[in-house]
Each structure stands twice: as C-alpha cells, then as structure tokens.
Amino acid sequence: MSDNLRDLLRDEAQPIEVPPPPFDAILTGGRRRRTVRRAQVLVAVTAAVAAVVVGTVGVGRLFTDDARRSTPQIATRAPSPSPSASASPTLAAGTLEVSGTGVGTLPFGADAGQVEGALDARFGAPDRVLVPTAYVRIPGQDGFYETAGDPISPSWQYRAASLSCWGTLCLHFGGDDVDSLKLRGWVLAPSDAGTGTTGSASDIRLAGTGIGLGDTWEQLHAAYPGTQVNGGEGASVTVRRTPWAGVSDGVGAWRLSGAWDYQHPHRAPADAVVTRLSGGEGPEPGCC
C-alpha cells in the first residue's frame, strides 16, 4: 500500500465532528406548537360550546314558539248571571186564561215550583195537593201506571206525578223523578174540595174566547165551531173535536151537563152547560 493511500485512510478514519442538535430550538418549537395546538383546541371547544348553547337556545325558542302555535286558544265567556228571585213568573190579577199551551204566562214544561209559587201568589194556598207519586211499568203495557199490576189504573208517559188544585183549577205535574216535575196539564171542573181559594170559576177562562165553566153549549160551539157533542160512559155528555188535546177523567176531556140521548148522539141536552175543560196531559184511567 502506498504512503499516500495510508495517509488518506488515516484522515478518513478521524472522528467526524457532528454539531450538537438544537435542543433549545426544538424544545421551544415543541412548546410553541403545543401552545398553538392547545389554543386551537381551546378555540374549537369554545366554538363548539357556543354552538351548543346557541343551538339549545334556538331549539328551546323553537319549542316554545311551536308550543304557542300548537296550543289552542280557549275562548272565555263571562258567566251568565244567575236568575234572581225577582225573575220568578207571576200571574196578573184579573181573569186567568188557560189554553192548549199552558196556564196564563206559564207554559207546559215550566218548573213545578215556579208554577205553584205563581198560583199561590194569585189564588192563595191550594185546596188539594197530591204529593209526588212514583208510577210503575206493567209488563206488556206502554207508559207508567199508578197501580202495579192494574192496567186500568191511571197512566201516562211520566214516571213521577203530582197534582195541585186551587178551587176549580187543578194542575198536573210530571217528570222522570220527583225532582224534575214540570207543568204538564190543567183541568177546570167543579170542585168539592171547599172554597179556600181567593179565586172562583169566573176568574179562569179559555184564552181568546172567554169560555168558562157554566157557559152554554151554544156559546161553546159558537166559539169553537168544530166541536161536536157525543156520548160518554154512563150516558154522560162529552165534547169531541176540541181545539187542543186535554185530560180525560175516563169519560171525556171536555164535558157538558145533562144526559146523552143515544137517538140523537150529536145533539146537546136542553140547557146543557160546560162542566169540564182541560188542556195538556195528565194521568188518565184505562178502560174496562
């Protein structure tokens, strides 16, 4: 090996000086990068939190708005004033008119308590009162009957019934029970219950015509030309084709005095007068 080659190898074998790594710069750079990264993460987290908060507020507002829109608005109305005692019906002094729709200003269907109060004020206490009575069903029969098992006992369409009479005027009340009684009908007929009322037969007449008890057949027929005389049980005289429905006593709803002439069935007896008038409905006895 030549001397030059040995010298070259010796020189190459000398340790190579490697400059130390820039630890300070690396550490400083790493800290800077971590700081930057942390800042970036913090900014991202802050932004996410803000987005969540904003989103929550937005969703809450959305739900609130939707709730407002979806909740129906309930219309309110001031309560109706309760009826006062002064609103109770009254009957004026003078002639009381009855008809096919009621008694004076009291229509069929009016509350029993109000009707009785008005009649008490007009005529005084009633002469006769039948307390509310529960009617019953009979198998195979329509309506409600006064007596169980007796199909010819008084019957009608209501389960409960009561009656109040002021002299010649009797009022029928009916309903589903004793607490719901309403005015259903009236009957005008001679009374044997006494004269305790302040009224009299002349105080009560048919509305529009003035017909009352004691008037003649001729007067009645002139006021109601469609009426017709007919016979009833026991040769009684009845009036048919009346201007409205009435309450029968088992003979007729409207009646005349005298005896019926079967040879002249539609002729009224001489001097026959009105002995019964009625309107509406009430318990009626059955037949036979």
Protein backbone atom coordinates (compact mmCIF):
# COMPACT_ATOMS: atom_id res chain seq x y z
CA MET A 1 0.00 0.00 0.00
CA SER A 2 1.49 3.29 -0.90
CA ASP A 3 2.13 6.02 1.60
CA ASN A 4 -0.47 8.25 0.02
CA LEU A 5 -3.18 5.68 0.38
CA ARG A 6 -2.32 5.11 4.05
CA ASP A 7 -2.46 8.82 4.75
CA LEU A 8 -5.83 9.06 3.05
CA LEU A 9 -7.33 6.24 5.08
CA ARG A 10 -5.95 7.69 8.29
CA ASP A 11 -7.51 11.01 7.58
CA GLU A 12 -10.88 9.48 6.79
CA ALA A 13 -10.79 7.46 9.99
CA GLN A 14 -10.62 10.57 12.14
CA PRO A 15 -13.84 11.15 14.10
CA ILE A 16 -16.34 13.24 12.30
CA GLU A 17 -17.46 16.24 14.30
CA VAL A 18 -21.19 16.32 14.36
CA PRO A 19 -22.69 19.57 15.62
CA PRO A 20 -24.97 19.12 18.63
CA PRO A 21 -28.67 19.15 17.89
CA PRO A 22 -30.54 22.41 18.54
CA PHE A 23 -32.33 21.12 21.67
CA ASP A 24 -33.32 24.57 22.82
CA ALA A 25 -34.87 25.37 19.49
CA ILE A 26 -36.60 22.02 19.37
CA LEU A 27 -37.98 22.42 22.88
CA THR A 28 -39.01 25.96 22.21
CA GLY A 29 -40.60 24.95 18.92
CA GLY A 30 -42.39 22.00 20.56
CA ARG A 31 -43.73 24.22 23.30
CA ARG A 32 -44.83 26.71 20.69
CA ARG A 33 -46.51 24.02 18.67
CA ARG A 34 -48.22 22.60 21.76
CA THR A 35 -49.30 26.08 22.76
CA VAL A 36 -50.64 26.74 19.29
CA ARG A 37 -52.35 23.34 19.24
CA ARG A 38 -53.84 23.93 22.69
CA ALA A 39 -55.04 27.32 21.62
CA GLN A 40 -56.53 25.83 18.52
CA VAL A 41 -58.26 23.13 20.60
CA LEU A 42 -59.48 25.71 23.11
CA VAL A 43 -60.87 27.85 20.32
CA ALA A 44 -62.56 24.81 18.79
CA VAL A 45 -64.04 23.76 22.14
CA THR A 46 -65.23 27.29 22.83
CA ALA A 47 -66.80 27.48 19.42
CA ALA A 48 -68.48 24.10 19.94
CA VAL A 49 -69.82 25.13 23.33
CA ALA A 50 -71.11 28.36 21.87
CA ALA A 51 -72.76 26.44 19.09
CA VAL A 52 -74.37 24.08 21.56
CA VAL A 53 -75.61 26.97 23.68
CA VAL A 54 -76.89 28.85 20.70
CA GLY A 55 -78.46 25.67 19.35
CA THR A 56 -80.07 24.92 22.71
CA VAL A 57 -81.48 28.40 22.95
CA GLY A 58 -82.67 28.16 19.38
CA VAL A 59 -84.29 24.79 19.95
CA GLY A 60 -85.88 25.97 23.18
CA ARG A 61 -87.21 29.02 21.43
CA LEU A 62 -88.39 26.82 18.60
CA PHE A 63 -90.23 24.52 21.02
CA THR A 64 -91.67 27.49 22.85
CA ASP A 65 -92.85 29.07 19.62
CA ASP A 66 -94.22 25.76 18.41
CA ALA A 67 -95.99 25.28 21.72
CA ARG A 68 -97.50 28.71 21.44
CA ARG A 69 -98.62 27.99 17.91
CA SER A 70 -99.94 24.49 18.67
CA THR A 71 -101.73 25.27 21.95
CA PRO A 72 -105.37 26.09 21.17
CA GLN A 73 -106.62 29.38 22.45
CA ILE A 74 -109.66 28.77 24.68
CA ALA A 75 -112.30 31.40 24.23
CA THR A 76 -113.64 32.61 27.53
CA ARG A 77 -117.06 33.98 28.15
CA ALA A 78 -118.40 35.83 31.12
CA PRO A 79 -120.68 33.56 33.16
CA SER A 80 -124.36 34.12 32.73
CA PRO A 81 -125.92 35.86 35.67
CA SER A 82 -127.86 33.51 37.90
CA PRO A 83 -131.58 34.05 37.92
CA SER A 84 -132.79 36.09 40.83
CA ALA A 85 -135.91 35.68 42.84
CA SER A 86 -137.39 38.68 41.06
CA ALA A 87 -137.28 36.69 37.80
CA SER A 88 -139.88 34.21 39.10
CA PRO A 89 -143.03 34.20 36.95
CA THR A 90 -146.14 35.94 38.21
CA LEU A 91 -149.79 35.92 37.21
CA ALA A 92 -151.54 39.24 36.90
CA ALA A 93 -154.73 39.92 38.79
CA GLY A 94 -157.99 39.53 36.92
CA THR A 95 -159.12 36.74 34.66
CA LEU A 96 -156.64 33.88 34.33
CA GLU A 97 -156.55 32.48 30.81
CA VAL A 98 -155.77 28.83 30.11
CA SER A 99 -155.13 27.22 26.74
CA GLY A 100 -153.59 24.31 24.90
CA THR A 101 -150.11 25.64 25.63
CA GLY A 102 -150.22 26.45 29.32
CA VAL A 103 -151.74 28.43 32.18
CA GLY A 104 -151.58 32.18 31.82
CA THR A 105 -147.96 33.06 31.05
CA LEU A 106 -146.78 29.69 32.37
CA PRO A 107 -146.18 27.25 29.50
CA PHE A 108 -146.30 23.49 29.69
CA GLY A 109 -142.84 22.35 30.72
CA ALA A 110 -142.39 25.13 33.28
CA ASP A 111 -140.82 24.18 36.59
CA ALA A 112 -143.36 22.91 39.12
CA GLY A 113 -142.02 25.03 41.95
CA GLN A 114 -142.27 28.23 39.95
CA VAL A 115 -145.76 27.41 38.72
CA GLU A 116 -147.04 26.58 42.19
CA GLY A 117 -145.44 29.75 43.57
CA ALA A 118 -147.19 31.86 40.95
CA LEU A 119 -150.56 30.19 41.61
CA ASP A 120 -150.12 30.56 45.37
CA ALA A 121 -149.49 34.28 44.92
CA ARG A 122 -152.53 34.58 42.66
CA PHE A 123 -155.08 32.40 44.49
CA GLY A 124 -153.58 31.57 47.86
CA ALA A 125 -152.73 28.12 49.19
CA PRO A 126 -154.11 25.18 47.19
CA ASP A 127 -157.21 23.37 48.38
CA ARG A 128 -155.91 19.97 47.40
CA VAL A 129 -152.43 18.56 46.91
CA LEU A 130 -151.39 15.07 45.88
CA VAL A 131 -147.75 14.58 46.82
CA PRO A 132 -145.37 13.32 44.12
CA THR A 133 -146.06 9.68 43.39
CA ALA A 134 -143.86 7.17 41.58
CA TYR A 135 -145.72 5.42 38.78
CA VAL A 136 -144.62 1.96 37.65
CA ARG A 137 -144.29 -0.09 34.49
CA ILE A 138 -146.59 -3.01 33.75
CA PRO A 139 -145.11 -5.72 31.51
CA GLY A 140 -146.63 -5.63 28.06
CA GLN A 141 -148.12 -2.14 28.55
CA ASP A 142 -146.98 1.30 27.45
CA GLY A 143 -146.49 4.18 29.85
CA PHE A 144 -146.33 4.25 33.64
CA TYR A 145 -149.23 3.20 35.88
CA GLU A 146 -150.41 4.42 39.24
CA THR A 147 -151.01 0.87 40.49
CA ALA A 148 -148.71 -2.06 39.79
CA GLY A 149 -150.49 -4.90 38.03
CA ASP A 150 -153.60 -2.81 37.27
CA PRO A 151 -153.68 -1.84 33.58
CA ILE A 152 -156.86 0.23 34.01
CA SER A 153 -155.41 2.42 36.77
CA PRO A 154 -154.45 5.97 35.76
CA SER A 155 -151.43 6.03 33.49
CA TRP A 156 -149.33 8.37 31.36
CA GLN A 157 -145.83 8.78 29.95
CA TYR A 158 -144.05 10.08 33.07
CA ARG A 159 -142.60 8.09 35.93
CA ALA A 160 -143.49 10.67 38.61
CA ALA A 161 -146.71 12.65 39.04
CA SER A 162 -148.25 15.20 41.39
CA LEU A 163 -151.40 17.32 41.47
CA SER A 164 -152.31 20.69 42.98
CA CYS A 165 -155.79 22.25 42.92
CA TRP A 166 -156.98 25.78 43.55
CA GLY A 167 -160.75 25.65 43.65
CA THR A 168 -161.94 24.63 40.19
CA LEU A 169 -158.43 24.61 38.67
CA CYS A 170 -156.17 21.57 39.02
CA LEU A 171 -152.65 21.35 37.62
CA HIS A 172 -150.85 18.13 36.68
CA PHE A 173 -147.07 17.92 37.11
CA GLY A 174 -144.91 15.12 35.75
CA GLY A 175 -141.30 14.17 35.18
CA ASP A 176 -138.71 11.42 35.27
CA ASP A 177 -138.45 11.77 39.06
CA VAL A 178 -139.81 13.89 41.88
CA ASP A 179 -137.01 16.43 41.44
CA SER A 180 -137.78 17.14 37.78
CA LEU A 181 -141.53 17.77 37.85
CA LYS A 182 -142.85 20.15 35.20
CA LEU A 183 -146.27 21.57 34.39
CA ARG A 184 -147.93 19.08 32.02
CA GLY A 185 -151.65 19.85 32.02
CA TRP A 186 -154.60 21.60 33.62
CA VAL A 187 -158.22 20.72 34.36
CA LEU A 188 -161.08 23.13 35.00
CA ALA A 189 -164.02 21.39 36.72
CA PRO A 190 -166.36 21.85 39.70
CA SER A 191 -164.53 21.17 42.94
CA ASP A 192 -165.79 19.55 46.12
CA ALA A 193 -162.61 20.43 47.99
CA GLY A 194 -164.02 23.59 49.53
CA THR A 195 -163.73 27.28 48.74
CA GLY A 196 -160.42 28.10 50.37
CA THR A 197 -159.02 29.88 47.32
CA THR A 198 -159.46 33.56 46.66
CA GLY A 199 -160.36 32.86 43.03
CA SER A 200 -163.55 31.48 41.52
CA ALA A 201 -164.66 29.77 38.32
CA SER A 202 -165.37 33.11 36.72
CA ASP A 203 -161.71 34.08 37.16
CA ILE A 204 -160.46 31.28 34.85
CA ARG A 205 -161.44 31.12 31.19
CA LEU A 206 -160.20 29.85 27.85
CA ALA A 207 -157.73 32.18 26.18
CA GLY A 208 -159.06 34.13 23.23
CA THR A 209 -162.72 33.21 23.66
CA GLY A 210 -163.54 33.71 27.32
CA ILE A 211 -165.39 30.40 27.54
CA GLY A 212 -165.58 29.04 31.08
CA LEU A 213 -167.45 26.69 33.35
CA GLY A 214 -171.21 27.28 33.32
CA ASP A 215 -171.34 28.65 29.77
CA THR A 216 -173.88 27.05 27.46
CA TRP A 217 -173.27 24.58 24.69
CA GLU A 218 -174.38 27.21 22.21
CA GLN A 219 -171.72 29.62 23.48
CA LEU A 220 -169.04 26.95 23.43
CA HIS A 221 -169.96 25.78 19.95
CA ALA A 222 -170.08 29.34 18.64
CA ALA A 223 -166.55 29.94 19.97
CA TYR A 224 -165.28 26.62 18.59
CA PRO A 225 -167.43 25.63 15.58
CA GLY A 226 -165.53 22.39 15.05
CA THR A 227 -166.65 20.90 18.35
CA GLN A 228 -169.22 18.12 18.46
CA VAL A 229 -171.45 16.58 21.14
CA ASN A 230 -171.02 12.87 21.82
CA GLY A 231 -171.88 10.31 24.46
CA GLY A 232 -169.70 9.01 27.24
CA GLU A 233 -169.76 6.38 29.95
CA GLY A 234 -172.98 6.31 31.96
CA ALA A 235 -174.90 8.37 29.40
CA SER A 236 -172.63 11.34 30.10
CA VAL A 237 -172.34 14.11 27.51
CA THR A 238 -168.88 14.84 26.15
CA VAL A 239 -167.46 17.33 23.68
CA ARG A 240 -165.28 15.93 20.90
CA ARG A 241 -163.09 17.62 18.29
CA THR A 242 -161.78 20.12 20.79
CA PRO A 243 -159.25 22.75 19.66
CA TRP A 244 -156.43 21.03 21.58
CA ALA A 245 -155.71 17.82 23.46
CA GLY A 246 -156.96 17.57 27.04
CA VAL A 247 -157.00 15.34 30.10
CA SER A 248 -159.80 12.78 30.29
CA ASP A 249 -161.35 11.69 33.57
CA GLY A 250 -162.34 8.40 31.98
CA VAL A 251 -165.38 9.98 30.34
CA GLY A 252 -164.07 12.91 28.37
CA ALA A 253 -161.61 15.82 28.37
CA TRP A 254 -164.44 18.37 27.87
CA ARG A 255 -167.92 17.66 29.21
CA LEU A 256 -171.43 19.09 29.37
CA SER A 257 -174.20 18.67 31.90
CA GLY A 258 -177.29 16.56 31.22
CA ALA A 259 -177.88 13.08 29.86
CA TRP A 260 -176.84 11.88 26.46
CA ASP A 261 -179.61 11.00 24.01
CA TYR A 262 -178.40 7.99 22.03
CA GLN A 263 -181.19 8.59 19.47
CA HIS A 264 -179.67 11.98 18.75
CA PRO A 265 -175.98 11.32 19.52
CA HIS A 266 -174.70 14.76 18.46
CA ARG A 267 -177.46 16.84 19.98
CA ALA A 268 -176.80 18.57 23.30
CA PRO A 269 -179.44 18.30 26.02
CA ALA A 270 -181.60 21.34 26.57
CA ASP A 271 -179.90 23.88 28.82
CA ALA A 272 -176.63 21.92 28.81
CA VAL A 273 -173.70 23.88 30.26
CA VAL A 274 -169.95 23.34 30.35
CA THR A 275 -168.86 21.24 33.34
CA ARG A 276 -165.29 20.29 32.37
CA LEU A 277 -162.48 21.83 30.30
CA SER A 278 -158.84 20.78 30.13
CA GLY A 279 -155.57 21.12 28.25
CA GLY A 280 -152.24 19.33 28.01
CA GLU A 281 -151.80 15.92 29.56
CA GLY A 282 -152.26 14.12 32.87
CA PRO A 283 -152.78 10.60 34.18
CA GLU A 284 -155.91 9.07 32.63
CA PRO A 285 -157.75 5.94 33.75
CA GLY A 286 -157.85 2.99 31.44
CA CYS A 287 -160.93 1.39 30.04
CA CYS A 288 -162.85 -1.71 31.04
